[in-house]
Protein backbone atom coordinates (compact mmCIF):
# COMPACT_ATOMS: atom_id res chain seq x y z
CA MET A 1 -5.65 22.00 -13.18
CA LEU A 2 -4.38 23.43 -9.79
CA THR A 3 -2.75 26.01 -9.25
CA ASN A 4 0.02 26.03 -6.29
CA ILE A 5 -0.79 28.72 -3.52
CA VAL A 6 3.02 29.33 -2.74
CA ASP A 7 4.35 29.49 -5.96
CA ASP A 8 1.51 29.38 -8.80
CA THR A 9 2.91 26.54 -10.53
CA THR A 10 0.76 24.29 -12.09
CA LEU A 11 0.38 20.84 -10.18
CA THR A 12 0.56 17.87 -12.17
CA SER A 13 -1.49 15.22 -10.21
CA LEU A 14 -3.81 15.26 -7.07
CA LEU A 15 -4.00 12.24 -4.91
CA SER A 16 -6.51 10.83 -2.69
CA ALA A 17 -6.32 10.15 0.67
CA ASN A 18 -7.02 6.68 1.22
CA THR A 19 -6.77 4.09 4.54
CA TYR A 20 -5.02 0.87 4.28
CA THR A 21 -5.49 -1.81 6.94
CA PHE A 22 -3.13 -4.44 8.24
CA PHE A 23 -3.65 -7.24 9.93
CA SER A 24 -1.88 -10.57 11.70
CA LEU A 25 -2.87 -13.31 14.57
CA SER A 26 -0.31 -15.58 15.57
CA TYR A 27 -0.27 -18.23 17.83
CA GLU A 28 1.84 -20.03 20.05
CA ILE A 29 2.54 -23.76 20.39
CA SER A 30 5.33 -25.52 22.33
CA LYS A 31 8.26 -24.14 19.98
CA PHE A 32 6.31 -23.01 17.09
CA ILE A 33 4.58 -19.58 16.47
CA PHE A 34 1.75 -19.96 13.59
CA THR A 35 0.56 -16.13 12.07
CA LEU A 36 -2.02 -15.64 9.39
CA GLY A 37 -2.37 -12.33 8.27
CA GLY A 38 -2.64 -9.62 5.16
CA ASN A 39 -1.80 -6.64 3.68
CA ASN A 40 -4.27 -3.63 2.61
CA ILE A 41 -6.78 -6.44 3.40
CA PHE A 42 -9.67 -4.49 2.05
CA ASN A 43 -8.18 -4.40 -1.55
CA THR A 44 -7.93 -0.46 -1.54
CA TYR A 45 -6.42 0.93 -4.65
CA THR A 46 -4.17 4.19 -4.58
CA THR A 47 -5.09 7.44 -7.04
CA PRO A 48 -4.92 6.23 -10.73
CA GLN A 49 -2.19 8.49 -12.14
CA PHE A 50 -1.24 9.63 -16.20
CA ASP A 51 1.64 7.33 -16.89
CA GLY A 52 3.69 9.99 -17.99
CA TRP A 53 3.80 11.43 -14.05
CA THR A 54 4.78 8.83 -12.37
CA ASP A 55 8.50 7.17 -12.02
CA GLN A 56 7.85 4.25 -13.55
CA GLY A 57 5.45 5.12 -16.09
CA SER A 58 2.88 2.95 -14.76
CA LEU A 59 -0.79 3.66 -13.85
CA MET A 60 -0.03 4.07 -10.32
CA ASP A 61 3.00 5.73 -8.39
CA SER A 62 5.38 2.87 -6.67
CA VAL A 63 5.81 4.32 -4.13
CA GLN A 64 1.90 4.47 -3.09
CA MET A 65 1.06 1.85 -0.58
CA GLY A 66 -1.37 -1.09 -1.73
CA SER A 67 -0.55 -0.21 -5.27
CA ASP A 68 -0.23 -4.26 -5.71
CA GLY A 69 -3.78 -5.09 -3.96
CA ALA A 70 -4.74 -7.23 -0.82
CA TYR A 71 -2.01 -9.24 0.10
CA PHE A 72 -2.66 -12.53 2.38
CA PHE A 73 0.08 -14.74 4.16
CA GLY A 74 1.00 -17.75 6.34
CA ARG A 75 4.14 -17.69 8.44
CA ILE A 76 5.21 -20.40 10.71
CA SER A 77 8.53 -19.76 12.73
CA PHE A 78 10.29 -21.30 15.09
CA LYS A 79 12.19 -20.22 18.78
CA LEU A 80 16.03 -21.72 19.31
């Protein structure tokens, strides 16, 4: 357990620092824009926690980035 320096209360969780990488590449042909990309491309996960300490009772807090792992996408846009 860790103790809060400010008011001597016991802290219930300690989250490690993580880096998340997002990437996208777009190419425009005429009025079409083709995009390939990814969110959290190195599949970094957040610090697992005791399920009683999260908002929804899950392994990872829903507000932390990367809780779903890597996500890759393709997109086609059209300019009017």
